[in-house]
């Protein structure tokens, strides 16, 4: 199942340091028609070469490299240049790094890769934000950072499903909303605070979904992914 931009609706988070497990899961997810997401846990163990190994040996689909860069503009730009040879569909930075950082990142990002900005992590809620001195409600902060992201020239944001409707009203229709914190009906929310089911998120206006443990923790990951896609289409 594809989004309007031709990329998979669902990206499965392969949160593992184990190369063999990552390749096995990537092959199963590819069979189901989903993309995969590789994050810091995998990247810190295996580096760019590990990502290339997945692309070469275990996976034939679309990849979201979830590294959440957040540093001074020159450092972020150089970091993106260092991995520019990887054929990834999505890469991300933190919107809180500011417009100058995001613009520098965008200039260094290959044209084939869509650059997203993380707004507010889905593990955070209003009370958690208060403890770090951000007393603005999470939803308001997400909208503020999403508008800044769009003004900085990026392709979209990573946000929770709870902010999707408001962002759809505030930003162009082709602005990508990549939504983690997705849990099928009856699944354990785990460490996620702002969650929604796959169909609810897509109906609200999400472009792509990130789903991890409900797929990777299933006895048959490929079937679990197919079931989720069917629930969205229903």
C-alpha atoms as a PDB file:
ATOM      1  CA  UNK A   1       0.000   0.000   0.000  1.00  0.00           C
ATOM      2  CA  UNK A   2       1.463   3.335  -1.123  1.00  0.00           C
ATOM      3  CA  UNK A   3       0.937   6.917  -0.052  1.00  0.00           C
ATOM      4  CA  UNK A   4       0.178   9.632  -2.603  1.00  0.00           C
ATOM      5  CA  UNK A   5       3.930  10.269  -2.984  1.00  0.00           C
ATOM      6  CA  UNK A   6       4.471   6.675  -4.108  1.00  0.00           C
ATOM      7  CA  UNK A   7       6.274   5.511  -0.951  1.00  0.00           C
ATOM      8  CA  UNK A   8       5.003   2.866   1.503  1.00  0.00           C
ATOM      9  CA  UNK A   9       2.430   3.995   4.037  1.00  0.00           C
ATOM     10  CA  UNK A  10       3.956   1.894   6.833  1.00  0.00           C
ATOM     11  CA  UNK A  11       7.614   1.905   7.887  1.00  0.00           C
ATOM     12  CA  UNK A  12       8.551  -0.815  10.346  1.00  0.00           C
ATOM     13  CA  UNK A  13      11.026   0.222  13.049  1.00  0.00           C
ATOM     14  CA  UNK A  14      13.816  -2.363  13.273  1.00  0.00           C
ATOM     15  CA  UNK A  15      15.054  -1.437  16.737  1.00  0.00           C
ATOM     16  CA  UNK A  16      17.863  -3.964  16.980  1.00  0.00           C
ATOM     17  CA  UNK A  17      21.659  -4.064  17.087  1.00  0.00           C
ATOM     18  CA  UNK A  18      21.706  -7.590  15.643  1.00  0.00           C
ATOM     19  CA  UNK A  19      22.583  -7.584  11.929  1.00  0.00           C
ATOM     20  CA  UNK A  20      21.196 -11.061  11.308  1.00  0.00           C
ATOM     21  CA  UNK A  21      17.874 -10.209  12.923  1.00  0.00           C
ATOM     22  CA  UNK A  22      17.708  -6.912  11.036  1.00  0.00           C
ATOM     23  CA  UNK A  23      18.252  -8.647   7.676  1.00  0.00           C
ATOM     24  CA  UNK A  24      15.664 -11.311   8.500  1.00  0.00           C
ATOM     25  CA  UNK A  25      13.056  -8.753   9.528  1.00  0.00           C
ATOM     26  CA  UNK A  26      13.841  -6.515   6.544  1.00  0.00           C
ATOM     27  CA  UNK A  27      13.185  -9.372   4.137  1.00  0.00           C
ATOM     28  CA  UNK A  28       9.875 -10.203   5.841  1.00  0.00           C
ATOM     29  CA  UNK A  29       8.758  -6.573   5.881  1.00  0.00           C
ATOM     30  CA  UNK A  30       9.669  -6.179   2.217  1.00  0.00           C
ATOM     31  CA  UNK A  31       7.458  -9.165   1.411  1.00  0.00           C
ATOM     32  CA  UNK A  32       4.558  -7.464   3.181  1.00  0.00           C
ATOM     33  CA  UNK A  33       4.951  -4.253   1.149  1.00  0.00           C
ATOM     34  CA  UNK A  34       6.201  -2.021   3.964  1.00  0.00           C
ATOM     35  CA  UNK A  35       9.292   0.119   4.308  1.00  0.00           C
ATOM     36  CA  UNK A  36      11.743  -0.144   7.182  1.00  0.00           C
ATOM     37  CA  UNK A  37      13.187   2.344   9.648  1.00  0.00           C
ATOM     38  CA  UNK A  38      16.724   2.013  11.008  1.00  0.00           C
ATOM     39  CA  UNK A  39      17.669   4.193  13.963  1.00  0.00           C
ATOM     40  CA  UNK A  40      20.517   4.983  16.318  1.00  0.00           C
ATOM     41  CA  UNK A  41      20.558   1.556  17.951  1.00  0.00           C
ATOM     42  CA  UNK A  42      21.443  -0.092  14.638  1.00  0.00           C
ATOM     43  CA  UNK A  43      23.504   2.772  13.217  1.00  0.00           C
ATOM     44  CA  UNK A  44      25.752   3.149  16.278  1.00  0.00           C
ATOM     45  CA  UNK A  45      26.669  -0.531  16.078  1.00  0.00           C
ATOM     46  CA  UNK A  46      27.051  -0.964  12.317  1.00  0.00           C
ATOM     47  CA  UNK A  47      27.428   2.545  10.833  1.00  0.00           C
ATOM     48  CA  UNK A  48      26.799   3.481   7.188  1.00  0.00           C
ATOM     49  CA  UNK A  49      28.292   0.170   6.063  1.00  0.00           C
ATOM     50  CA  UNK A  50      25.625  -1.682   8.034  1.00  0.00           C
ATOM     51  CA  UNK A  51      22.865   0.311   6.379  1.00  0.00           C
ATOM     52  CA  UNK A  52      24.378  -0.478   2.986  1.00  0.00           C
ATOM     53  CA  UNK A  53      24.472  -4.163   3.916  1.00  0.00           C
ATOM     54  CA  UNK A  54      20.733  -4.109   4.605  1.00  0.00           C
ATOM     55  CA  UNK A  55      20.113  -2.403   1.283  1.00  0.00           C
ATOM     56  CA  UNK A  56      22.336  -4.848  -0.586  1.00  0.00           C
ATOM     57  CA  UNK A  57      21.452  -8.148   1.069  1.00  0.00           C
ATOM     58  CA  UNK A  58      18.267  -8.102   3.095  1.00  0.00           C
ATOM     59  CA  UNK A  59      15.904  -5.555   1.670  1.00  0.00           C
ATOM     60  CA  UNK A  60      14.584  -4.304  -1.648  1.00  0.00           C
ATOM     61  CA  UNK A  61      12.196  -1.598  -0.463  1.00  0.00           C
ATOM     62  CA  UNK A  62      12.122   1.925   0.971  1.00  0.00           C
ATOM     63  CA  UNK A  63      14.286   2.898   3.948  1.00  0.00           C
ATOM     64  CA  UNK A  64      13.876   5.655   6.561  1.00  0.00           C
ATOM     65  CA  UNK A  65      17.173   6.417   8.322  1.00  0.00           C
ATOM     66  CA  UNK A  66      16.113   7.834  11.679  1.00  0.00           C
ATOM     67  CA  UNK A  67      19.179   9.609  13.108  1.00  0.00           C
ATOM     68  CA  UNK A  68      17.550  12.803  14.444  1.00  0.00           C
ATOM     69  CA  UNK A  69      20.529  15.089  13.909  1.00  0.00           C
ATOM     70  CA  UNK A  70      20.649  18.071  16.294  1.00  0.00           C
ATOM     71  CA  UNK A  71      23.831  20.147  16.400  1.00  0.00           C
ATOM     72  CA  UNK A  72      25.300  23.353  15.016  1.00  0.00           C
ATOM     73  CA  UNK A  73      24.502  23.901  11.302  1.00  0.00           C
ATOM     74  CA  UNK A  74      27.941  23.067   9.936  1.00  0.00           C
ATOM     75  CA  UNK A  75      28.187  19.822  11.921  1.00  0.00           C
ATOM     76  CA  UNK A  76      24.749  18.629  10.813  1.00  0.00           C
ATOM     77  CA  UNK A  77      25.470  19.512   7.188  1.00  0.00           C
ATOM     78  CA  UNK A  78      28.767  17.592   7.323  1.00  0.00           C
ATOM     79  CA  UNK A  79      27.104  14.605   8.969  1.00  0.00           C
ATOM     80  CA  UNK A  80      24.533  14.409   6.184  1.00  0.00           C
ATOM     81  CA  UNK A  81      27.248  14.739   3.539  1.00  0.00           C
ATOM     82  CA  UNK A  82      28.990  11.752   5.154  1.00  0.00           C
ATOM     83  CA  UNK A  83      26.022   9.476   4.485  1.00  0.00           C
ATOM     84  CA  UNK A  84      24.810  11.052   1.249  1.00  0.00           C
ATOM     85  CA  UNK A  85      25.798   8.000  -0.775  1.00  0.00           C
ATOM     86  CA  UNK A  86      23.221   5.832   0.999  1.00  0.00           C
ATOM     87  CA  UNK A  87      20.020   5.325  -0.987  1.00  0.00           C
ATOM     88  CA  UNK A  88      17.483   6.236   1.702  1.00  0.00           C
ATOM     89  CA  UNK A  89      13.978   7.574   1.170  1.00  0.00           C
ATOM     90  CA  UNK A  90      13.814   9.573   4.420  1.00  0.00           C
ATOM     91  CA  UNK A  91      16.323  11.192   6.776  1.00  0.00           C
ATOM     92  CA  UNK A  92      15.611  13.437   9.748  1.00  0.00           C
ATOM     93  CA  UNK A  93      16.889  16.202  12.001  1.00  0.00           C
ATOM     94  CA  UNK A  94      15.444  17.891  15.098  1.00  0.00           C
ATOM     95  CA  UNK A  95      13.384  21.000  14.309  1.00  0.00           C
ATOM     96  CA  UNK A  96      14.502  22.407  17.675  1.00  0.00           C
ATOM     97  CA  UNK A  97      17.918  22.904  16.092  1.00  0.00           C
ATOM     98  CA  UNK A  98      16.442  25.955  14.402  1.00  0.00           C
ATOM     99  CA  UNK A  99      15.948  27.277  10.901  1.00  0.00           C
ATOM    100  CA  UNK A 100      19.641  27.844  10.105  1.00  0.00           C
ATOM    101  CA  UNK A 101      20.477  24.250  11.019  1.00  0.00           C
ATOM    102  CA  UNK A 102      17.559  22.874   9.006  1.00  0.00           C
ATOM    103  CA  UNK A 103      18.462  24.928   5.961  1.00  0.00           C
ATOM    104  CA  UNK A 104      22.064  23.716   6.137  1.00  0.00           C
ATOM    105  CA  UNK A 105      20.814  20.140   6.425  1.00  0.00           C
ATOM    106  CA  UNK A 106      18.522  20.606   3.445  1.00  0.00           C
ATOM    107  CA  UNK A 107      21.349  21.917   1.272  1.00  0.00           C
ATOM    108  CA  UNK A 108      23.462  18.843   2.085  1.00  0.00           C
ATOM    109  CA  UNK A 109      20.673  16.312   1.610  1.00  0.00           C
ATOM    110  CA  UNK A 110      20.613  14.393  -1.710  1.00  0.00           C
ATOM    111  CA  UNK A 111      17.616  15.279  -3.930  1.00  0.00           C
ATOM    112  CA  UNK A 112      16.398  11.661  -3.847  1.00  0.00           C
ATOM    113  CA  UNK A 113      16.105  11.761  -0.041  1.00  0.00           C
ATOM    114  CA  UNK A 114      13.214  13.502   1.676  1.00  0.00           C
ATOM    115  CA  UNK A 115      14.330  15.435   4.740  1.00  0.00           C
ATOM    116  CA  UNK A 116      12.032  15.525   7.766  1.00  0.00           C
ATOM    117  CA  UNK A 117      12.252  17.312  11.115  1.00  0.00           C
ATOM    118  CA  UNK A 118      11.265  15.824  14.457  1.00  0.00           C
ATOM    119  CA  UNK A 119       8.883  18.139  16.305  1.00  0.00           C
ATOM    120  CA  UNK A 120       8.165  16.717  19.796  1.00  0.00           C
ATOM    121  CA  UNK A 121       9.092  13.112  20.608  1.00  0.00           C
ATOM    122  CA  UNK A 122       6.078  10.844  21.041  1.00  0.00           C
ATOM    123  CA  UNK A 123       7.505   9.685  24.386  1.00  0.00           C
ATOM    124  CA  UNK A 124       6.848  13.189  25.767  1.00  0.00           C
ATOM    125  CA  UNK A 125       3.606  14.747  26.991  1.00  0.00           C
ATOM    126  CA  UNK A 126       2.783  18.158  28.485  1.00  0.00           C
ATOM    127  CA  UNK A 127       3.996  17.303  31.998  1.00  0.00           C
ATOM    128  CA  UNK A 128       7.271  15.890  30.649  1.00  0.00           C
ATOM    129  CA  UNK A 129       7.839  19.065  28.632  1.00  0.00           C
ATOM    130  CA  UNK A 130       7.194  21.175  31.754  1.00  0.00           C
ATOM    131  CA  UNK A 131      10.130  19.485  33.517  1.00  0.00           C
ATOM    132  CA  UNK A 132      12.551  20.768  30.862  1.00  0.00           C
ATOM    133  CA  UNK A 133      11.190  24.301  31.004  1.00  0.00           C
ATOM    134  CA  UNK A 134       8.920  24.174  27.962  1.00  0.00           C
ATOM    135  CA  UNK A 135       5.552  25.168  29.356  1.00  0.00           C
ATOM    136  CA  UNK A 136       3.837  25.403  25.976  1.00  0.00           C
ATOM    137  CA  UNK A 137       1.425  22.477  25.403  1.00  0.00           C
ATOM    138  CA  UNK A 138       2.936  19.766  23.205  1.00  0.00           C
ATOM    139  CA  UNK A 139       0.386  20.314  20.443  1.00  0.00           C
ATOM    140  CA  UNK A 140       1.160  24.037  20.182  1.00  0.00           C
ATOM    141  CA  UNK A 141       4.890  23.359  20.122  1.00  0.00           C
ATOM    142  CA  UNK A 142       4.466  20.770  17.358  1.00  0.00           C
ATOM    143  CA  UNK A 143       2.564  23.246  15.181  1.00  0.00           C
ATOM    144  CA  UNK A 144       5.139  25.981  15.799  1.00  0.00           C
ATOM    145  CA  UNK A 145       8.043  23.700  14.883  1.00  0.00           C
ATOM    146  CA  UNK A 146       6.223  22.256  11.858  1.00  0.00           C
ATOM    147  CA  UNK A 147       5.658  25.743  10.446  1.00  0.00           C
ATOM    148  CA  UNK A 148       9.327  26.542  11.003  1.00  0.00           C
ATOM    149  CA  UNK A 149      10.278  23.299   9.257  1.00  0.00           C
ATOM    150  CA  UNK A 150       8.163  24.155   6.219  1.00  0.00           C
ATOM    151  CA  UNK A 151       9.578  27.685   6.086  1.00  0.00           C
ATOM    152  CA  UNK A 152      13.088  26.173   6.179  1.00  0.00           C
ATOM    153  CA  UNK A 153      12.408  24.190   3.005  1.00  0.00           C
ATOM    154  CA  UNK A 154      12.149  20.653   4.401  1.00  0.00           C
ATOM    155  CA  UNK A 155       9.722  18.035   3.079  1.00  0.00           C
ATOM    156  CA  UNK A 156       7.811  17.271   6.259  1.00  0.00           C
ATOM    157  CA  UNK A 157       7.865  16.498   9.957  1.00  0.00           C
ATOM    158  CA  UNK A 158       7.745  13.640  12.396  1.00  0.00           C
ATOM    159  CA  UNK A 159       4.820  14.190  14.766  1.00  0.00           C
ATOM    160  CA  UNK A 160       2.343  12.238  16.840  1.00  0.00           C
ATOM    161  CA  UNK A 161      -1.044  11.303  15.404  1.00  0.00           C
ATOM    162  CA  UNK A 162      -2.741  13.634  17.879  1.00  0.00           C
ATOM    163  CA  UNK A 163      -1.361  16.671  16.024  1.00  0.00           C
ATOM    164  CA  UNK A 164      -2.091  15.506  12.475  1.00  0.00           C
ATOM    165  CA  UNK A 165      -5.459  17.221  11.984  1.00  0.00           C
ATOM    166  CA  UNK A 166      -4.162  20.556  13.229  1.00  0.00           C
ATOM    167  CA  UNK A 167      -1.085  20.333  11.019  1.00  0.00           C
ATOM    168  CA  UNK A 168      -3.168  19.437   7.968  1.00  0.00           C
ATOM    169  CA  UNK A 169      -5.101  22.684   8.499  1.00  0.00           C
ATOM    170  CA  UNK A 170      -1.940  24.733   8.967  1.00  0.00           C
ATOM    171  CA  UNK A 171       0.318  23.411   6.199  1.00  0.00           C
ATOM    172  CA  UNK A 172       0.173  22.479   2.480  1.00  0.00           C
ATOM    173  CA  UNK A 173      -1.429  19.169   1.542  1.00  0.00           C
ATOM    174  CA  UNK A 174       1.805  17.759   0.140  1.00  0.00           C
ATOM    175  CA  UNK A 175       3.720  18.385   3.389  1.00  0.00           C
ATOM    176  CA  UNK A 176       4.739  14.956   4.735  1.00  0.00           C
ATOM    177  CA  UNK A 177       3.509  13.871   8.161  1.00  0.00           C
ATOM    178  CA  UNK A 178       5.500  10.843   9.338  1.00  0.00           C
ATOM    179  CA  UNK A 179       3.773   9.489  12.442  1.00  0.00           C
ATOM    180  CA  UNK A 180       5.344   7.168  15.034  1.00  0.00           C
ATOM    181  CA  UNK A 181       3.648   6.066  18.255  1.00  0.00           C
ATOM    182  CA  UNK A 182       1.188   3.952  16.269  1.00  0.00           C
ATOM    183  CA  UNK A 183      -0.388   1.021  18.069  1.00  0.00           C
ATOM    184  CA  UNK A 184      -2.981  -1.358  16.551  1.00  0.00           C
ATOM    185  CA  UNK A 185      -6.156  -1.837  18.601  1.00  0.00           C
ATOM    186  CA  UNK A 186      -5.330  -3.756  21.788  1.00  0.00           C
ATOM    187  CA  UNK A 187      -1.545  -3.292  21.606  1.00  0.00           C
ATOM    188  CA  UNK A 188       0.558  -2.171  24.570  1.00  0.00           C
ATOM    189  CA  UNK A 189       1.499   1.511  24.291  1.00  0.00           C
ATOM    190  CA  UNK A 190       4.895   0.803  25.896  1.00  0.00           C
ATOM    191  CA  UNK A 191       6.933   4.005  26.352  1.00  0.00           C
ATOM    192  CA  UNK A 192       4.773   6.007  23.927  1.00  0.00           C
ATOM    193  CA  UNK A 193       2.577   8.731  25.437  1.00  0.00           C
ATOM    194  CA  UNK A 194       0.700  10.148  22.406  1.00  0.00           C
ATOM    195  CA  UNK A 195      -0.640   7.209  20.405  1.00  0.00           C
ATOM    196  CA  UNK A 196      -3.363   6.267  17.899  1.00  0.00           C
ATOM    197  CA  UNK A 197      -4.357   3.230  15.813  1.00  0.00           C
ATOM    198  CA  UNK A 198      -3.106   2.974  12.194  1.00  0.00           C
ATOM    199  CA  UNK A 199      -6.495   3.625  10.597  1.00  0.00           C
ATOM    200  CA  UNK A 200      -7.259   6.547  12.919  1.00  0.00           C
ATOM    201  CA  UNK A 201      -3.931   8.163  12.043  1.00  0.00           C
ATOM    202  CA  UNK A 202      -4.367   7.778   8.281  1.00  0.00           C
ATOM    203  CA  UNK A 203      -7.959   8.984   8.433  1.00  0.00           C
ATOM    204  CA  UNK A 204      -6.745  12.048  10.343  1.00  0.00           C
ATOM    205  CA  UNK A 205      -4.319  12.891   7.533  1.00  0.00           C
ATOM    206  CA  UNK A 206      -1.024  11.140   8.294  1.00  0.00           C
ATOM    207  CA  UNK A 207       1.106  10.452   5.209  1.00  0.00           C
ATOM    208  CA  UNK A 208       3.245   7.619   6.609  1.00  0.00           C
ATOM    209  CA  UNK A 209       3.245   5.572   9.829  1.00  0.00           C
ATOM    210  CA  UNK A 210       6.111   4.157  11.877  1.00  0.00           C
ATOM    211  CA  UNK A 211       5.240   0.908  13.655  1.00  0.00           C
ATOM    212  CA  UNK A 212       7.747  -1.204  15.558  1.00  0.00           C
ATOM    213  CA  UNK A 213       7.000  -3.757  18.245  1.00  0.00           C
ATOM    214  CA  UNK A 214       3.491  -4.733  17.059  1.00  0.00           C
ATOM    215  CA  UNK A 215       5.214  -6.030  13.901  1.00  0.00           C
ATOM    216  CA  UNK A 216       8.718  -7.046  15.010  1.00  0.00           C
ATOM    217  CA  UNK A 217       7.461  -8.685  18.198  1.00  0.00           C
ATOM    218  CA  UNK A 218       4.851 -10.803  16.389  1.00  0.00           C
ATOM    219  CA  UNK A 219       5.397 -14.506  15.753  1.00  0.00           C
ATOM    220  CA  UNK A 220       4.917 -13.784  12.042  1.00  0.00           C
ATOM    221  CA  UNK A 221       6.118 -10.212  11.325  1.00  0.00           C
ATOM    222  CA  UNK A 222       5.154 -10.309   7.643  1.00  0.00           C
ATOM    223  CA  UNK A 223       1.586 -11.332   8.469  1.00  0.00           C
ATOM    224  CA  UNK A 224       1.363  -8.736  11.253  1.00  0.00           C
ATOM    225  CA  UNK A 225       2.406  -6.048   8.755  1.00  0.00           C
ATOM    226  CA  UNK A 226      -0.137  -7.278   6.202  1.00  0.00           C
ATOM    227  CA  UNK A 227      -2.874  -7.250   8.862  1.00  0.00           C
ATOM    228  CA  UNK A 228      -2.071  -3.636   9.695  1.00  0.00           C
ATOM    229  CA  UNK A 229      -2.218  -2.634   6.031  1.00  0.00           C
ATOM    230  CA  UNK A 230      -5.567  -4.389   5.691  1.00  0.00           C
ATOM    231  CA  UNK A 231      -6.898  -2.563   8.765  1.00  0.00           C
ATOM    232  CA  UNK A 232      -5.978   0.750   7.140  1.00  0.00           C
ATOM    233  CA  UNK A 233      -7.684  -0.171   3.865  1.00  0.00           C
ATOM    234  CA  UNK A 234     -10.858  -1.430   5.572  1.00  0.00           C
END
